[in-house]
Amino acid sequence: MLDDLSDEERMERVRVAVDRLPARRRNIFLLCRVENWSFEEIAEAYGISVGRVRKEIARALHDVTQEVFHGRRRPWWRRWF
């Protein structure tokens, strides 16, 4: 499915998926992946623990992957069942 798309179409799907993330999660994800901030720098800037930063990035990656590859995000409660 994703192999049939051009690079531009794939990047657009990623952009849309990232834009749909909750604001704080999106900002943390972009600081880490685009701006190359360390977990410690992000934690200090947001006043949260490094563990929370890791969790936010993991959730962002999960949400983006679900949306890009499957065209949707599963509701949080469906992840456990």
C-alpha atoms as a PDB file:
ATOM      1  CA  MET A   1       0.000   0.000   0.000  1.00  0.00           C
ATOM      2  CA  LEU A   2       2.638   2.553   1.027  1.00  0.00           C
ATOM      3  CA  ASP A   3       5.015   1.297  -1.671  1.00  0.00           C
ATOM      4  CA  ASP A   4       2.571   2.487  -4.330  1.00  0.00           C
ATOM      5  CA  LEU A   5       2.912   6.103  -3.193  1.00  0.00           C
ATOM      6  CA  SER A   6       5.475   8.636  -4.335  1.00  0.00           C
ATOM      7  CA  ASP A   7       7.943  10.100  -1.852  1.00  0.00           C
ATOM      8  CA  GLU A   8       5.940  13.322  -1.789  1.00  0.00           C
ATOM      9  CA  GLU A   9       2.707  11.481  -0.985  1.00  0.00           C
ATOM     10  CA  ARG A  10       4.403   9.537   1.804  1.00  0.00           C
ATOM     11  CA  MET A  11       5.848  12.701   3.307  1.00  0.00           C
ATOM     12  CA  GLU A  12       2.447  14.377   3.117  1.00  0.00           C
ATOM     13  CA  ARG A  13       0.900  11.476   5.039  1.00  0.00           C
ATOM     14  CA  VAL A  14       3.572  11.837   7.716  1.00  0.00           C
ATOM     15  CA  ARG A  15       3.025  15.613   7.912  1.00  0.00           C
ATOM     16  CA  VAL A  16      -0.728  15.169   8.299  1.00  0.00           C
ATOM     17  CA  ALA A  17      -0.265  12.483  10.964  1.00  0.00           C
ATOM     18  CA  VAL A  18       2.162  14.666  12.933  1.00  0.00           C
ATOM     19  CA  ASP A  19      -0.197  17.653  12.665  1.00  0.00           C
ATOM     20  CA  ARG A  20      -2.982  15.562  14.211  1.00  0.00           C
ATOM     21  CA  LEU A  21      -0.980  14.755  17.338  1.00  0.00           C
ATOM     22  CA  PRO A  22      -1.941  16.551  20.549  1.00  0.00           C
ATOM     23  CA  ALA A  23      -0.016  19.846  20.769  1.00  0.00           C
ATOM     24  CA  ARG A  24       2.429  18.929  23.542  1.00  0.00           C
ATOM     25  CA  ARG A  25       3.166  15.506  22.063  1.00  0.00           C
ATOM     26  CA  ARG A  26       3.692  17.038  18.620  1.00  0.00           C
ATOM     27  CA  ASN A  27       6.046  19.694  19.987  1.00  0.00           C
ATOM     28  CA  ILE A  28       8.081  17.176  21.973  1.00  0.00           C
ATOM     29  CA  PHE A  29       8.286  14.877  18.960  1.00  0.00           C
ATOM     30  CA  LEU A  30       9.412  17.694  16.648  1.00  0.00           C
ATOM     31  CA  LEU A  31      11.992  18.986  19.116  1.00  0.00           C
ATOM     32  CA  CYS A  32      13.484  15.511  19.356  1.00  0.00           C
ATOM     33  CA  ARG A  33      13.281  14.378  15.725  1.00  0.00           C
ATOM     34  CA  VAL A  34      13.622  17.633  13.788  1.00  0.00           C
ATOM     35  CA  GLU A  35      15.504  20.005  16.093  1.00  0.00           C
ATOM     36  CA  ASN A  36      17.691  17.222  17.576  1.00  0.00           C
ATOM     37  CA  TRP A  37      17.128  18.229  21.184  1.00  0.00           C
ATOM     38  CA  SER A  38      18.141  15.660  23.775  1.00  0.00           C
ATOM     39  CA  PHE A  39      15.570  14.071  26.073  1.00  0.00           C
ATOM     40  CA  GLU A  40      17.132  15.989  28.945  1.00  0.00           C
ATOM     41  CA  GLU A  41      16.803  19.342  27.142  1.00  0.00           C
ATOM     42  CA  ILE A  42      13.153  18.675  26.338  1.00  0.00           C
ATOM     43  CA  ALA A  43      12.429  17.537  29.898  1.00  0.00           C
ATOM     44  CA  GLU A  44      13.968  20.705  31.295  1.00  0.00           C
ATOM     45  CA  ALA A  45      12.111  22.953  28.836  1.00  0.00           C
ATOM     46  CA  TYR A  46       8.738  21.368  29.669  1.00  0.00           C
ATOM     47  CA  GLY A  47       9.361  20.759  33.356  1.00  0.00           C
ATOM     48  CA  ILE A  48       8.729  17.016  33.023  1.00  0.00           C
ATOM     49  CA  SER A  49      10.801  13.906  33.617  1.00  0.00           C
ATOM     50  CA  VAL A  50      13.013  12.297  30.996  1.00  0.00           C
ATOM     51  CA  GLY A  51      10.799   9.211  31.275  1.00  0.00           C
ATOM     52  CA  ARG A  52       7.735  11.273  30.358  1.00  0.00           C
ATOM     53  CA  VAL A  53       9.605  12.639  27.318  1.00  0.00           C
ATOM     54  CA  ARG A  54      10.413   9.085  26.228  1.00  0.00           C
ATOM     55  CA  LYS A  55       6.773   8.049  26.638  1.00  0.00           C
ATOM     56  CA  GLU A  56       5.505  11.035  24.644  1.00  0.00           C
ATOM     57  CA  ILE A  57       7.908  10.284  21.789  1.00  0.00           C
ATOM     58  CA  ALA A  58       6.987   6.590  21.822  1.00  0.00           C
ATOM     59  CA  ARG A  59       3.281   7.457  21.715  1.00  0.00           C
ATOM     60  CA  ALA A  60       3.861   9.968  18.926  1.00  0.00           C
ATOM     61  CA  LEU A  61       5.731   7.355  16.884  1.00  0.00           C
ATOM     62  CA  HIS A  62       2.966   4.841  17.484  1.00  0.00           C
ATOM     63  CA  ASP A  63       0.207   7.277  16.511  1.00  0.00           C
ATOM     64  CA  VAL A  64       2.019   8.476  13.389  1.00  0.00           C
ATOM     65  CA  THR A  65       2.825   4.914  12.318  1.00  0.00           C
ATOM     66  CA  GLN A  66      -0.791   3.814  12.771  1.00  0.00           C
ATOM     67  CA  GLU A  67      -2.096   6.717  10.753  1.00  0.00           C
ATOM     68  CA  VAL A  68       0.482   6.517   7.956  1.00  0.00           C
ATOM     69  CA  PHE A  69       0.351   2.762   7.455  1.00  0.00           C
ATOM     70  CA  HIS A  70      -3.266   2.056   8.350  1.00  0.00           C
ATOM     71  CA  GLY A  71      -4.945   5.365   7.594  1.00  0.00           C
ATOM     72  CA  ARG A  72      -6.278   5.780  11.107  1.00  0.00           C
ATOM     73  CA  ARG A  73      -5.406   5.937  14.752  1.00  0.00           C
ATOM     74  CA  ARG A  74      -6.877   3.360  17.056  1.00  0.00           C
ATOM     75  CA  PRO A  75      -8.695   4.745  20.079  1.00  0.00           C
ATOM     76  CA  TRP A  76      -6.520   4.519  23.182  1.00  0.00           C
ATOM     77  CA  TRP A  77      -8.817   1.968  24.802  1.00  0.00           C
ATOM     78  CA  ARG A  78      -8.595  -0.366  21.776  1.00  0.00           C
ATOM     79  CA  ARG A  79      -4.834  -0.703  22.207  1.00  0.00           C
ATOM     80  CA  TRP A  80      -5.370  -2.925  25.224  1.00  0.00           C
ATOM     81  CA  PHE A  81      -7.988  -5.281  23.776  1.00  0.00           C
END
